[in-house]
Amino acid sequence: MAYTASSLIRIGGGSGQALWYYSSADSIADANTAGYFNDAANILNLNDIIITITSTGGTPVLTHAYVNANNGSVVDITNGVVITNTDGD
């Protein structure tokens, strides 16, 4: 699949950094591939944080990642830290 601009929502920020929310049926492996967020190169800044909700086989995956490269046309985000689901009841 591909990046969907309407799914990237700025939550807040200041001093040149922002916090974003992104939801997609794509896997986190797709979303953290260099180039996935290229269409957002004009709004994503280096070190912006992105909270992603992606999917792996229909199971939602929550990840915290950040923009580690943006040369104005090619954007790359880190692999991120997956927030695991532990519900023991």
PDB file of N, CA and C in Angstrom:
ATOM      1  N   MET A   1       0.847  -1.174   0.000  1.00  0.00           N
ATOM      2  CA  MET A   1       0.000   0.000   0.000  1.00  0.00           C
ATOM      3  C   MET A   1       0.892   1.236   0.000  1.00  0.00           C
ATOM      4  N   ALA A   2       0.311   2.372   0.293  1.00  0.00           N
ATOM      5  CA  ALA A   2       1.079   3.610   0.213  1.00  0.00           C
ATOM      6  C   ALA A   2       0.636   4.593   1.274  1.00  0.00           C
ATOM      7  N   TYR A   3       1.490   5.573   1.496  1.00  0.00           N
ATOM      8  CA  TYR A   3       1.208   6.658   2.424  1.00  0.00           C
ATOM      9  C   TYR A   3      -0.097   7.351   2.044  1.00  0.00           C
ATOM     10  N   THR A   4      -0.904   7.695   3.045  1.00  0.00           N
ATOM     11  CA  THR A   4      -2.157   8.409   2.839  1.00  0.00           C
ATOM     12  C   THR A   4      -2.097   9.714   3.626  1.00  0.00           C
ATOM     13  N   ALA A   5      -2.053  10.831   2.930  1.00  0.00           N
ATOM     14  CA  ALA A   5      -1.881  12.132   3.567  1.00  0.00           C
ATOM     15  C   ALA A   5      -2.942  12.431   4.615  1.00  0.00           C
ATOM     16  N   SER A   6      -4.185  12.041   4.364  1.00  0.00           N
ATOM     17  CA  SER A   6      -5.265  12.348   5.306  1.00  0.00           C
ATOM     18  C   SER A   6      -5.147  11.555   6.609  1.00  0.00           C
ATOM     19  N   SER A   7      -4.278  10.553   6.640  1.00  0.00           N
ATOM     20  CA  SER A   7      -4.096   9.741   7.846  1.00  0.00           C
ATOM     21  C   SER A   7      -2.980  10.254   8.749  1.00  0.00           C
ATOM     22  N   LEU A   8      -2.244  11.271   8.302  1.00  0.00           N
ATOM     23  CA  LEU A   8      -1.193  11.882   9.113  1.00  0.00           C
ATOM     24  C   LEU A   8      -1.750  13.144   9.745  1.00  0.00           C
ATOM     25  N   ILE A   9      -1.877  13.126  11.073  1.00  0.00           N
ATOM     26  CA  ILE A   9      -2.519  14.230  11.803  1.00  0.00           C
ATOM     27  C   ILE A   9      -1.535  14.811  12.800  1.00  0.00           C
ATOM     28  N   ARG A  10      -1.338  16.109  12.736  1.00  0.00           N
ATOM     29  CA  ARG A  10      -0.460  16.786  13.693  1.00  0.00           C
ATOM     30  C   ARG A  10      -1.212  16.945  15.009  1.00  0.00           C
ATOM     31  N   ILE A  11      -0.630  16.416  16.084  1.00  0.00           N
ATOM     32  CA  ILE A  11      -1.247  16.499  17.402  1.00  0.00           C
ATOM     33  C   ILE A  11      -0.816  17.777  18.117  1.00  0.00           C
ATOM     34  N   GLY A  12       0.431  18.170  17.947  1.00  0.00           N
ATOM     35  CA  GLY A  12       0.940  19.370  18.607  1.00  0.00           C
ATOM     36  C   GLY A  12       2.416  19.528  18.337  1.00  0.00           C
ATOM     37  N   GLY A  13       3.005  20.482  19.035  1.00  0.00           N
ATOM     38  CA  GLY A  13       4.436  20.695  18.907  1.00  0.00           C
ATOM     39  C   GLY A  13       4.799  22.154  19.031  1.00  0.00           C
ATOM     40  N   GLY A  14       6.078  22.410  18.923  1.00  0.00           N
ATOM     41  CA  GLY A  14       6.608  23.754  19.005  1.00  0.00           C
ATOM     42  C   GLY A  14       8.114  23.712  18.876  1.00  0.00           C
ATOM     43  N   SER A  15       8.713  24.881  18.714  1.00  0.00           N
ATOM     44  CA  SER A  15      10.174  25.000  18.588  1.00  0.00           C
ATOM     45  C   SER A  15      10.732  24.130  17.470  1.00  0.00           C
ATOM     46  N   GLY A  16       9.998  24.024  16.377  1.00  0.00           N
ATOM     47  CA  GLY A  16      10.485  23.289  15.214  1.00  0.00           C
ATOM     48  C   GLY A  16      10.257  21.793  15.234  1.00  0.00           C
ATOM     49  N   GLN A  17       9.645  21.269  16.292  1.00  0.00           N
ATOM     50  CA  GLN A  17       9.338  19.841  16.341  1.00  0.00           C
ATOM     51  C   GLN A  17       7.852  19.648  16.541  1.00  0.00           C
ATOM     52  N   ALA A  18       7.356  18.516  16.046  1.00  0.00           N
ATOM     53  CA  ALA A  18       5.931  18.235  16.155  1.00  0.00           C
ATOM     54  C   ALA A  18       5.703  16.783  16.561  1.00  0.00           C
ATOM     55  N   LEU A  19       4.517  16.542  17.080  1.00  0.00           N
ATOM     56  CA  LEU A  19       4.053  15.205  17.420  1.00  0.00           C
ATOM     57  C   LEU A  19       2.926  14.880  16.453  1.00  0.00           C
ATOM     58  N   TRP A  20       3.030  13.719  15.789  1.00  0.00           N
ATOM     59  CA  TRP A  20       2.083  13.306  14.768  1.00  0.00           C
ATOM     60  C   TRP A  20       1.445  11.973  15.128  1.00  0.00           C
ATOM     61  N   TYR A  21       0.255  11.757  14.577  1.00  0.00           N
ATOM     62  CA  TYR A  21      -0.450  10.477  14.664  1.00  0.00           C
ATOM     63  C   TYR A  21      -0.672  10.014  13.232  1.00  0.00           C
ATOM     64  N   TYR A  22      -0.351   8.731  12.970  1.00  0.00           N
ATOM     65  CA  TYR A  22      -0.568   8.176  11.638  1.00  0.00           C
ATOM     66  C   TYR A  22      -1.188   6.795  11.769  1.00  0.00           C
ATOM     67  N   SER A  23      -2.271   6.563  11.047  1.00  0.00           N
ATOM     68  CA  SER A  23      -2.966   5.276  11.068  1.00  0.00           C
ATOM     69  C   SER A  23      -3.026   4.720   9.654  1.00  0.00           C
ATOM     70  N   SER A  24      -2.730   3.411   9.534  1.00  0.00           N
ATOM     71  CA  SER A  24      -2.716   2.789   8.215  1.00  0.00           C
ATOM     72  C   SER A  24      -2.924   1.284   8.330  1.00  0.00           C
ATOM     73  N   ALA A  25      -3.492   0.694   7.308  1.00  0.00           N
ATOM     74  CA  ALA A  25      -3.596  -0.763   7.229  1.00  0.00           C
ATOM     75  C   ALA A  25      -2.265  -1.378   6.799  1.00  0.00           C
ATOM     76  N   ASP A  26      -1.305  -0.535   6.406  1.00  0.00           N
ATOM     77  CA  ASP A  26       0.031  -1.019   6.055  1.00  0.00           C
ATOM     78  C   ASP A  26       0.736  -1.538   7.303  1.00  0.00           C
ATOM     79  N   SER A  27       1.751  -2.350   7.109  1.00  0.00           N
ATOM     80  CA  SER A  27       2.546  -2.836   8.239  1.00  0.00           C
ATOM     81  C   SER A  27       3.532  -1.755   8.672  1.00  0.00           C
ATOM     82  N   ILE A  28       4.046  -1.861   9.896  1.00  0.00           N
ATOM     83  CA  ILE A  28       5.059  -0.917  10.346  1.00  0.00           C
ATOM     84  C   ILE A  28       6.317  -1.061   9.496  1.00  0.00           C
ATOM     85  N   ALA A  29       6.593  -2.258   8.993  1.00  0.00           N
ATOM     86  CA  ALA A  29       7.754  -2.452   8.110  1.00  0.00           C
ATOM     87  C   ALA A  29       7.623  -1.622   6.838  1.00  0.00           C
ATOM     88  N   ASP A  30       6.395  -1.472   6.336  1.00  0.00           N
ATOM     89  CA  ASP A  30       6.168  -0.605   5.177  1.00  0.00           C
ATOM     90  C   ASP A  30       6.365   0.853   5.562  1.00  0.00           C
ATOM     91  N   ALA A  31       5.739   1.266   6.663  1.00  0.00           N
ATOM     92  CA  ALA A  31       5.754   2.676   7.070  1.00  0.00           C
ATOM     93  C   ALA A  31       7.148   3.163   7.441  1.00  0.00           C
ATOM     94  N   ASN A  32       7.997   2.286   7.989  1.00  0.00           N
ATOM     95  CA  ASN A  32       9.323   2.766   8.378  1.00  0.00           C
ATOM     96  C   ASN A  32      10.378   2.556   7.296  1.00  0.00           C
ATOM     97  N   THR A  33       9.940   2.217   6.097  1.00  0.00           N
ATOM     98  CA  THR A  33      10.850   2.113   4.960  1.00  0.00           C
ATOM     99  C   THR A  33      11.141   3.508   4.421  1.00  0.00           C
ATOM    100  N   ALA A  34      12.409   3.791   4.169  1.00  0.00           N
ATOM    101  CA  ALA A  34      12.791   5.101   3.609  1.00  0.00           C
ATOM    102  C   ALA A  34      11.958   5.379   2.361  1.00  0.00           C
ATOM    103  N   GLY A  35      11.378   6.551   2.311  1.00  0.00           N
ATOM    104  CA  GLY A  35      10.586   6.956   1.156  1.00  0.00           C
ATOM    105  C   GLY A  35       9.088   6.872   1.360  1.00  0.00           C
ATOM    106  N   TYR A  36       8.641   6.120   2.369  1.00  0.00           N
ATOM    107  CA  TYR A  36       7.202   5.954   2.584  1.00  0.00           C
ATOM    108  C   TYR A  36       6.516   7.303   2.811  1.00  0.00           C
ATOM    109  N   PHE A  37       7.140   8.179   3.579  1.00  0.00           N
ATOM    110  CA  PHE A  37       6.541   9.474   3.920  1.00  0.00           C
ATOM    111  C   PHE A  37       7.037  10.611   3.010  1.00  0.00           C
ATOM    112  N   ASN A  38       7.566  10.291   1.837  1.00  0.00           N
ATOM    113  CA  ASN A  38       8.097  11.331   0.940  1.00  0.00           C
ATOM    114  C   ASN A  38       7.085  12.426   0.619  1.00  0.00           C
ATOM    115  N   ASP A  39       5.821  12.080   0.455  1.00  0.00           N
ATOM    116  CA  ASP A  39       4.814  13.090   0.113  1.00  0.00           C
ATOM    117  C   ASP A  39       4.574  14.067   1.257  1.00  0.00           C
ATOM    118  N   ALA A  40       5.099  13.768   2.454  1.00  0.00           N
ATOM    119  CA  ALA A  40       4.967  14.665   3.606  1.00  0.00           C
ATOM    120  C   ALA A  40       6.288  15.371   3.912  1.00  0.00           C
ATOM    121  N   ALA A  41       7.236  15.324   2.987  1.00  0.00           N
ATOM    122  CA  ALA A  41       8.560  15.914   3.222  1.00  0.00           C
ATOM    123  C   ALA A  41       8.490  17.396   3.564  1.00  0.00           C
ATOM    124  N   ASN A  42       7.482  18.087   3.038  1.00  0.00           N
ATOM    125  CA  ASN A  42       7.368  19.527   3.289  1.00  0.00           C
ATOM    126  C   ASN A  42       6.794  19.859   4.668  1.00  0.00           C
ATOM    127  N   ILE A  43       6.262  18.867   5.395  1.00  0.00           N
ATOM    128  CA  ILE A  43       5.689  19.147   6.712  1.00  0.00           C
ATOM    129  C   ILE A  43       6.385  18.402   7.850  1.00  0.00           C
ATOM    130  N   LEU A  44       7.108  17.328   7.529  1.00  0.00           N
ATOM    131  CA  LEU A  44       7.807  16.567   8.563  1.00  0.00           C
ATOM    132  C   LEU A  44       9.214  17.115   8.748  1.00  0.00           C
ATOM    133  N   ASN A  45       9.584  17.363   9.992  1.00  0.00           N
ATOM    134  CA  ASN A  45      10.908  17.868  10.318  1.00  0.00           C
ATOM    135  C   ASN A  45      11.749  16.783  10.973  1.00  0.00           C
ATOM    136  N   LEU A  46      13.048  16.933  10.885  1.00  0.00           N
ATOM    137  CA  LEU A  46      13.969  16.036  11.560  1.00  0.00           C
ATOM    138  C   LEU A  46      13.613  15.959  13.038  1.00  0.00           C
ATOM    139  N   ASN A  47      13.534  14.757  13.562  1.00  0.00           N
ATOM    140  CA  ASN A  47      13.222  14.452  14.961  1.00  0.00           C
ATOM    141  C   ASN A  47      11.753  14.635  15.338  1.00  0.00           C
ATOM    142  N   ASP A  48      10.871  14.933  14.390  1.00  0.00           N
ATOM    143  CA  ASP A  48       9.434  14.895  14.688  1.00  0.00           C
ATOM    144  C   ASP A  48       9.078  13.488  15.133  1.00  0.00           C
ATOM    145  N   ILE A  49       8.197  13.377  16.100  1.00  0.00           N
ATOM    146  CA  ILE A  49       7.763  12.086  16.624  1.00  0.00           C
ATOM    147  C   ILE A  49       6.463  11.683  15.937  1.00  0.00           C
ATOM    148  N   ILE A  50       6.374  10.413  15.560  1.00  0.00           N
ATOM    149  CA  ILE A  50       5.169   9.895  14.918  1.00  0.00           C
ATOM    150  C   ILE A  50       4.678   8.683  15.701  1.00  0.00           C
ATOM    151  N   ILE A  51       3.457   8.772  16.203  1.00  0.00           N
ATOM    152  CA  ILE A  51       2.793   7.627  16.819  1.00  0.00           C
ATOM    153  C   ILE A  51       2.026   6.945  15.698  1.00  0.00           C
ATOM    154  N   THR A  52       2.371   5.710  15.410  1.00  0.00           N
ATOM    155  CA  THR A  52       1.723   5.012  14.298  1.00  0.00           C
ATOM    156  C   THR A  52       0.848   3.872  14.812  1.00  0.00           C
ATOM    157  N   ILE A  53      -0.286   3.727  14.183  1.00  0.00           N
ATOM    158  CA  ILE A  53      -1.128   2.545  14.354  1.00  0.00           C
ATOM    159  C   ILE A  53      -1.137   1.872  12.989  1.00  0.00           C
ATOM    160  N   THR A  54      -0.454   0.744  12.904  1.00  0.00           N
ATOM    161  CA  THR A  54      -0.376   0.009  11.646  1.00  0.00           C
ATOM    162  C   THR A  54      -0.965  -1.379  11.863  1.00  0.00           C
ATOM    163  N   SER A  55      -0.859  -2.217  10.875  1.00  0.00           N
ATOM    164  CA  SER A  55      -1.483  -3.537  10.980  1.00  0.00           C
ATOM    165  C   SER A  55      -0.538  -4.617  10.487  1.00  0.00           C
ATOM    166  N   THR A  56      -0.523  -5.729  11.206  1.00  0.00           N
ATOM    167  CA  THR A  56       0.207  -6.910  10.770  1.00  0.00           C
ATOM    168  C   THR A  56      -0.775  -8.070  10.784  1.00  0.00           C
ATOM    169  N   GLY A  57      -1.177  -8.509   9.616  1.00  0.00           N
ATOM    170  CA  GLY A  57      -2.146  -9.597   9.523  1.00  0.00           C
ATOM    171  C   GLY A  57      -3.469  -9.269  10.193  1.00  0.00           C
ATOM    172  N   GLY A  58      -3.856  -7.994  10.169  1.00  0.00           N
ATOM    173  CA  GLY A  58      -5.113  -7.574  10.776  1.00  0.00           C
ATOM    174  C   GLY A  58      -4.998  -7.208  12.245  1.00  0.00           C
ATOM    175  N   THR A  59      -3.844  -7.464  12.864  1.00  0.00           N
ATOM    176  CA  THR A  59      -3.625  -7.111  14.263  1.00  0.00           C
ATOM    177  C   THR A  59      -3.004  -5.729  14.344  1.00  0.00           C
ATOM    178  N   PRO A  60      -3.614  -4.806  15.101  1.00  0.00           N
ATOM    179  CA  PRO A  60      -3.051  -3.466  15.192  1.00  0.00           C
ATOM    180  C   PRO A  60      -1.699  -3.467  15.915  1.00  0.00           C
ATOM    181  N   VAL A  61      -0.790  -2.620  15.441  1.00  0.00           N
ATOM    182  CA  VAL A  61       0.531  -2.469  16.046  1.00  0.00           C
ATOM    183  C   VAL A  61       0.745  -0.979  16.327  1.00  0.00           C
ATOM    184  N   LEU A  62       0.962  -0.639  17.599  1.00  0.00           N
ATOM    185  CA  LEU A  62       1.214   0.739  18.013  1.00  0.00           C
ATOM    186  C   LEU A  62       2.716   0.921  18.135  1.00  0.00           C
ATOM    187  N   THR A  63       3.254   1.927  17.455  1.00  0.00           N
ATOM    188  CA  THR A  63       4.689   2.172  17.440  1.00  0.00           C
ATOM    189  C   THR A  63       4.973   3.653  17.634  1.00  0.00           C
ATOM    190  N   HIS A  64       6.018   3.950  18.397  1.00  0.00           N
ATOM    191  CA  HIS A  64       6.531   5.314  18.503  1.00  0.00           C
ATOM    192  C   HIS A  64       7.800   5.375  17.667  1.00  0.00           C
ATOM    193  N   ALA A  65       7.852   6.277  16.713  1.00  0.00           N
ATOM    194  CA  ALA A  65       9.014   6.431  15.843  1.00  0.00           C
ATOM    195  C   ALA A  65       9.310   7.923  15.705  1.00  0.00           C
ATOM    196  N   TYR A  66      10.427   8.250  15.069  1.00  0.00           N
ATOM    197  CA  TYR A  66      10.713   9.651  14.786  1.00  0.00           C
ATOM    198  C   TYR A  66      11.400   9.781  13.438  1.00  0.00           C
ATOM    199  N   VAL A  67      11.337  10.977  12.884  1.00  0.00           N
ATOM    200  CA  VAL A  67      11.945  11.264  11.586  1.00  0.00           C
ATOM    201  C   VAL A  67      13.454  11.379  11.800  1.00  0.00           C
ATOM    202  N   ASN A  68      14.206  10.465  11.213  1.00  0.00           N
ATOM    203  CA  ASN A  68      15.661  10.528  11.371  1.00  0.00           C
ATOM    204  C   ASN A  68      16.372  11.058  10.134  1.00  0.00           C
ATOM    205  N   ALA A  69      15.636  11.296   9.054  1.00  0.00           N
ATOM    206  CA  ALA A  69      16.219  11.892   7.851  1.00  0.00           C
ATOM    207  C   ALA A  69      15.119  12.528   7.007  1.00  0.00           C
ATOM    208  N   ASN A  70      15.405  13.714   6.513  1.00  0.00           N
ATOM    209  CA  ASN A  70      14.515  14.397   5.571  1.00  0.00           C
ATOM    210  C   ASN A  70      15.367  15.408   4.819  1.00  0.00           C
ATOM    211  N   ASN A  71      15.672  15.110   3.577  1.00  0.00           N
ATOM    212  CA  ASN A  71      16.493  16.023   2.777  1.00  0.00           C
ATOM    213  C   ASN A  71      15.641  16.950   1.914  1.00  0.00           C
ATOM    214  N   GLY A  72      14.343  17.002   2.209  1.00  0.00           N
ATOM    215  CA  GLY A  72      13.434  17.841   1.441  1.00  0.00           C
ATOM    216  C   GLY A  72      12.627  17.072   0.419  1.00  0.00           C
ATOM    217  N   SER A  73      13.081  15.869   0.110  1.00  0.00           N
ATOM    218  CA  SER A  73      12.317  15.040  -0.824  1.00  0.00           C
ATOM    219  C   SER A  73      12.225  13.586  -0.362  1.00  0.00           C
ATOM    220  N   VAL A  74      13.240  13.080   0.331  1.00  0.00           N
ATOM    221  CA  VAL A  74      13.223  11.708   0.827  1.00  0.00           C
ATOM    222  C   VAL A  74      13.159  11.732   2.355  1.00  0.00           C
ATOM    223  N   VAL A  75      12.133  11.080   2.897  1.00  0.00           N
ATOM    224  CA  VAL A  75      11.915  11.023   4.344  1.00  0.00           C
ATOM    225  C   VAL A  75      12.143   9.596   4.822  1.00  0.00           C
ATOM    226  N   ASP A  76      12.819   9.482   5.958  1.00  0.00           N
ATOM    227  CA  ASP A  76      13.004   8.179   6.595  1.00  0.00           C
ATOM    228  C   ASP A  76      12.649   8.326   8.066  1.00  0.00           C
ATOM    229  N   ILE A  77      11.953   7.337   8.608  1.00  0.00           N
ATOM    230  CA  ILE A  77      11.681   7.313  10.040  1.00  0.00           C
ATOM    231  C   ILE A  77      12.375   6.098  10.643  1.00  0.00           C
ATOM    232  N   THR A  78      12.601   6.148  11.945  1.00  0.00           N
ATOM    233  CA  THR A  78      13.224   5.022  12.631  1.00  0.00           C
ATOM    234  C   THR A  78      12.291   3.823  12.622  1.00  0.00           C
ATOM    235  N   ASN A  79      12.836   2.659  12.943  1.00  0.00           N
ATOM    236  CA  ASN A  79      12.008   1.457  13.054  1.00  0.00           C
ATOM    237  C   ASN A  79      10.987   1.617  14.166  1.00  0.00           C
ATOM    238  N   GLY A  80      11.318   2.396  15.166  1.00  0.00           N
ATOM    239  CA  GLY A  80      10.379   2.690  16.239  1.00  0.00           C
ATOM    240  C   GLY A  80      10.394   1.665  17.352  1.00  0.00           C
ATOM    241  N   VAL A  81       9.673   2.007  18.384  1.00  0.00           N
ATOM    242  CA  VAL A  81       9.508   1.134  19.531  1.00  0.00           C
ATOM    243  C   VAL A  81       8.059   0.677  19.534  1.00  0.00           C
ATOM    244  N   VAL A  82       7.860  -0.625  19.463  1.00  0.00           N
ATOM    245  CA  VAL A  82       6.508  -1.176  19.465  1.00  0.00           C
ATOM    246  C   VAL A  82       5.998  -1.221  20.898  1.00  0.00           C
ATOM    247  N   ILE A  83       4.807  -0.692  21.104  1.00  0.00           N
ATOM    248  CA  ILE A  83       4.141  -0.751  22.401  1.00  0.00           C
ATOM    249  C   ILE A  83       3.348  -2.055  22.404  1.00  0.00           C
ATOM    250  N   THR A  84       3.762  -2.981  23.248  1.00  0.00           N
ATOM    251  CA  THR A  84       3.141  -4.302  23.230  1.00  0.00           C
ATOM    252  C   THR A  84       1.820  -4.306  23.978  1.00  0.00           C
ATOM    253  N   ASN A  85       0.971  -5.220  23.574  1.00  0.00           N
ATOM    254  CA  ASN A  85      -0.337  -5.386  24.189  1.00  0.00           C
ATOM    255  C   ASN A  85      -0.257  -6.497  25.210  1.00  0.00           C
ATOM    256  N   THR A  86      -0.438  -6.140  26.477  1.00  0.00           N
ATOM    257  CA  THR A  86      -0.483  -7.143  27.530  1.00  0.00           C
ATOM    258  C   THR A  86      -1.775  -6.957  28.292  1.00  0.00           C
ATOM    259  N   ASP A  87      -2.680  -7.872  28.084  1.00  0.00           N
ATOM    260  CA  ASP A  87      -3.985  -7.827  28.743  1.00  0.00           C
ATOM    261  C   ASP A  87      -4.225  -9.207  29.336  1.00  0.00           C
ATOM    262  N   GLY A  88      -3.925  -9.350  30.607  1.00  0.00           N
ATOM    263  CA  GLY A  88      -3.941 -10.658  31.234  1.00  0.00           C
ATOM    264  C   GLY A  88      -5.297 -11.156  31.697  1.00  0.00           C
ATOM    265  N   ASP A  89      -6.351 -10.382  31.508  1.00  0.00           N
ATOM    266  CA  ASP A  89      -7.638 -10.870  31.996  1.00  0.00           C
ATOM    267  C   ASP A  89      -8.489 -11.495  30.928  1.00  0.00           C
TER     268      ASP A  89
END
